[in-house]
Amino acid sequence: MAFVKACALSELEEDTPKRVELDGTPVSVVRTEGEVFAIHDICSHANVSLSEGEVEDCQIECWLHGSAFDLRTGKPSGLPATRPVPVYPVKIEGDDVLVSVTQES
């Protein structure tokens, strides 16, 4: 797995998603409940940015239609979304948040 720097840990506000692009992939990085998560930033139901939504109970909600996705698994918790979105491994090194958007072969 190739990890790349997504942002600084100090840049992340609790429960406030930060959109980054890593190797051409839109990613929402979220600090919540003492952990940092990285989830694909595009809703599986509509082509909108999840990082514009709200975070609560380890879920990120799509601002357009209200579907929420679990930050740990990417699974939707309610309609209208029925397909999960990818989640990505995260490592913290010092103040760097590192994310891997590559798939192992």
C-alpha atoms as a PDB file:
ATOM      1  CA  MET A   1       0.000   0.000   0.000  1.00  0.00           C
ATOM      2  CA  ALA A   2       1.315   3.410  -0.923  1.00  0.00           C
ATOM      3  CA  PHE A   3       0.466   6.070   1.645  1.00  0.00           C
ATOM      4  CA  VAL A   4       0.548   9.743   0.683  1.00  0.00           C
ATOM      5  CA  LYS A   5       0.144  12.839   2.822  1.00  0.00           C
ATOM      6  CA  ALA A   6      -3.459  14.024   2.778  1.00  0.00           C
ATOM      7  CA  CYS A   7      -3.150  16.912   5.236  1.00  0.00           C
ATOM      8  CA  ALA A   8      -1.795  17.872   8.631  1.00  0.00           C
ATOM      9  CA  LEU A   9      -3.573  16.471  11.666  1.00  0.00           C
ATOM     10  CA  SER A  10      -3.598  19.988  13.123  1.00  0.00           C
ATOM     11  CA  GLU A  11      -5.670  21.153  10.104  1.00  0.00           C
ATOM     12  CA  LEU A  12      -8.567  18.839  10.988  1.00  0.00           C
ATOM     13  CA  GLU A  13     -11.356  20.205  13.133  1.00  0.00           C
ATOM     14  CA  GLU A  14     -13.448  17.670  15.039  1.00  0.00           C
ATOM     15  CA  ASP A  15     -16.476  16.511  13.006  1.00  0.00           C
ATOM     16  CA  THR A  16     -15.608  18.807  10.072  1.00  0.00           C
ATOM     17  CA  PRO A  17     -14.799  16.951   6.833  1.00  0.00           C
ATOM     18  CA  LYS A  18     -11.827  18.126   4.763  1.00  0.00           C
ATOM     19  CA  ARG A  19     -11.807  17.407   1.032  1.00  0.00           C
ATOM     20  CA  VAL A  20      -8.482  16.453  -0.541  1.00  0.00           C
ATOM     21  CA  GLU A  21      -7.528  14.914  -3.861  1.00  0.00           C
ATOM     22  CA  LEU A  22      -5.021  12.066  -3.767  1.00  0.00           C
ATOM     23  CA  ASP A  23      -3.719  10.564  -7.000  1.00  0.00           C
ATOM     24  CA  GLY A  24      -6.826  11.921  -8.767  1.00  0.00           C
ATOM     25  CA  THR A  25      -9.193  10.437  -6.173  1.00  0.00           C
ATOM     26  CA  PRO A  26     -11.503  12.763  -4.204  1.00  0.00           C
ATOM     27  CA  VAL A  27     -11.274  11.911  -0.501  1.00  0.00           C
ATOM     28  CA  SER A  28     -13.000  13.280   2.573  1.00  0.00           C
ATOM     29  CA  VAL A  29     -10.782  13.170   5.671  1.00  0.00           C
ATOM     30  CA  VAL A  30     -12.634  13.321   8.979  1.00  0.00           C
ATOM     31  CA  ARG A  31     -11.457  13.547  12.587  1.00  0.00           C
ATOM     32  CA  THR A  32     -14.155  12.259  14.925  1.00  0.00           C
ATOM     33  CA  GLU A  33     -14.474  10.240  18.124  1.00  0.00           C
ATOM     34  CA  GLY A  34     -10.705  10.279  18.642  1.00  0.00           C
ATOM     35  CA  GLU A  35      -9.904   8.748  15.239  1.00  0.00           C
ATOM     36  CA  VAL A  36      -9.197   9.908  11.691  1.00  0.00           C
ATOM     37  CA  PHE A  37     -11.059   8.389   8.754  1.00  0.00           C
ATOM     38  CA  ALA A  38     -10.751   8.693   4.981  1.00  0.00           C
ATOM     39  CA  ILE A  39     -13.759   7.982   2.777  1.00  0.00           C
ATOM     40  CA  HIS A  40     -14.430   8.475  -0.931  1.00  0.00           C
ATOM     41  CA  ASP A  41     -15.793  11.992  -1.243  1.00  0.00           C
ATOM     42  CA  ILE A  42     -18.498  11.296  -3.831  1.00  0.00           C
ATOM     43  CA  CYS A  43     -21.915  10.015  -2.716  1.00  0.00           C
ATOM     44  CA  SER A  44     -22.873   6.687  -4.317  1.00  0.00           C
ATOM     45  CA  HIS A  45     -26.419   7.931  -4.916  1.00  0.00           C
ATOM     46  CA  ALA A  46     -25.760  11.351  -6.433  1.00  0.00           C
ATOM     47  CA  ASN A  47     -22.570  12.851  -7.803  1.00  0.00           C
ATOM     48  CA  VAL A  48     -22.044  15.311  -4.927  1.00  0.00           C
ATOM     49  CA  SER A  49     -19.269  15.879  -2.402  1.00  0.00           C
ATOM     50  CA  LEU A  50     -19.740  14.187   0.961  1.00  0.00           C
ATOM     51  CA  SER A  51     -17.278  16.614   2.557  1.00  0.00           C
ATOM     52  CA  GLU A  52     -19.966  19.290   2.327  1.00  0.00           C
ATOM     53  CA  GLY A  53     -22.168  17.233   4.654  1.00  0.00           C
ATOM     54  CA  GLU A  54     -22.284  16.865   8.419  1.00  0.00           C
ATOM     55  CA  VAL A  55     -20.592  14.298  10.641  1.00  0.00           C
ATOM     56  CA  GLU A  56     -22.342  12.674  13.588  1.00  0.00           C
ATOM     57  CA  ASP A  57     -22.070   9.283  15.335  1.00  0.00           C
ATOM     58  CA  CYS A  58     -19.159   8.203  13.087  1.00  0.00           C
ATOM     59  CA  GLN A  59     -21.233   8.829   9.959  1.00  0.00           C
ATOM     60  CA  ILE A  60     -21.025  11.415   7.207  1.00  0.00           C
ATOM     61  CA  GLU A  61     -24.294  12.641   5.736  1.00  0.00           C
ATOM     62  CA  CYS A  62     -24.776  13.642   2.121  1.00  0.00           C
ATOM     63  CA  TRP A  63     -26.070  17.207   2.123  1.00  0.00           C
ATOM     64  CA  LEU A  64     -28.264  16.717  -0.963  1.00  0.00           C
ATOM     65  CA  HIS A  65     -30.569  13.807  -0.114  1.00  0.00           C
ATOM     66  CA  GLY A  66     -29.595  12.907   3.455  1.00  0.00           C
ATOM     67  CA  SER A  67     -28.016   9.478   2.969  1.00  0.00           C
ATOM     68  CA  ALA A  68     -25.447   8.782   5.675  1.00  0.00           C
ATOM     69  CA  PHE A  69     -22.356   6.587   5.313  1.00  0.00           C
ATOM     70  CA  ASP A  70     -20.438   4.835   8.085  1.00  0.00           C
ATOM     71  CA  LEU A  71     -16.921   6.303   8.192  1.00  0.00           C
ATOM     72  CA  ARG A  72     -15.487   2.911   9.206  1.00  0.00           C
ATOM     73  CA  THR A  73     -17.095   0.767   6.473  1.00  0.00           C
ATOM     74  CA  GLY A  74     -18.529   3.117   3.843  1.00  0.00           C
ATOM     75  CA  LYS A  75     -21.916   1.383   4.100  1.00  0.00           C
ATOM     76  CA  PRO A  76     -25.017   3.565   3.780  1.00  0.00           C
ATOM     77  CA  SER A  77     -27.347   3.614   6.762  1.00  0.00           C
ATOM     78  CA  GLY A  78     -30.454   4.659   4.880  1.00  0.00           C
ATOM     79  CA  LEU A  79     -32.062   5.546   1.602  1.00  0.00           C
ATOM     80  CA  PRO A  80     -31.775   6.863  -1.005  1.00  0.00           C
ATOM     81  CA  ALA A  81     -28.210   5.478  -1.180  1.00  0.00           C
ATOM     82  CA  THR A  82     -27.992   1.692  -1.424  1.00  0.00           C
ATOM     83  CA  ARG A  83     -24.329   1.210  -2.443  1.00  0.00           C
ATOM     84  CA  PRO A  84     -21.352   1.747  -0.120  1.00  0.00           C
ATOM     85  CA  VAL A  85     -18.535   4.160  -0.890  1.00  0.00           C
ATOM     86  CA  PRO A  86     -14.874   3.150  -0.553  1.00  0.00           C
ATOM     87  CA  VAL A  87     -13.003   3.810   2.684  1.00  0.00           C
ATOM     88  CA  TYR A  88      -9.234   4.137   2.724  1.00  0.00           C
ATOM     89  CA  PRO A  89      -6.546   3.134   5.248  1.00  0.00           C
ATOM     90  CA  VAL A  90      -5.156   5.985   7.364  1.00  0.00           C
ATOM     91  CA  LYS A  91      -1.854   6.314   9.247  1.00  0.00           C
ATOM     92  CA  ILE A  92      -0.772   9.178  11.472  1.00  0.00           C
ATOM     93  CA  GLU A  93       2.949  10.023  11.539  1.00  0.00           C
ATOM     94  CA  GLY A  94       3.679  13.023  13.724  1.00  0.00           C
ATOM     95  CA  ASP A  95       1.341  15.739  12.413  1.00  0.00           C
ATOM     96  CA  ASP A  96       0.917  14.083   9.000  1.00  0.00           C
ATOM     97  CA  VAL A  97      -2.272  12.278   8.021  1.00  0.00           C
ATOM     98  CA  LEU A  98      -1.325   9.631   5.460  1.00  0.00           C
ATOM     99  CA  VAL A  99      -3.925   7.888   3.300  1.00  0.00           C
ATOM    100  CA  SER A 100      -3.646   5.025   0.825  1.00  0.00           C
ATOM    101  CA  VAL A 101      -6.034   5.137  -2.121  1.00  0.00           C
ATOM    102  CA  THR A 102      -4.228   2.368  -4.039  1.00  0.00           C
ATOM    103  CA  GLN A 103      -5.496  -1.181  -4.166  1.00  0.00           C
ATOM    104  CA  GLU A 104      -3.181  -4.051  -3.348  1.00  0.00           C
ATOM    105  CA  SER A 105      -2.639  -6.430  -6.251  1.00  0.00           C
END
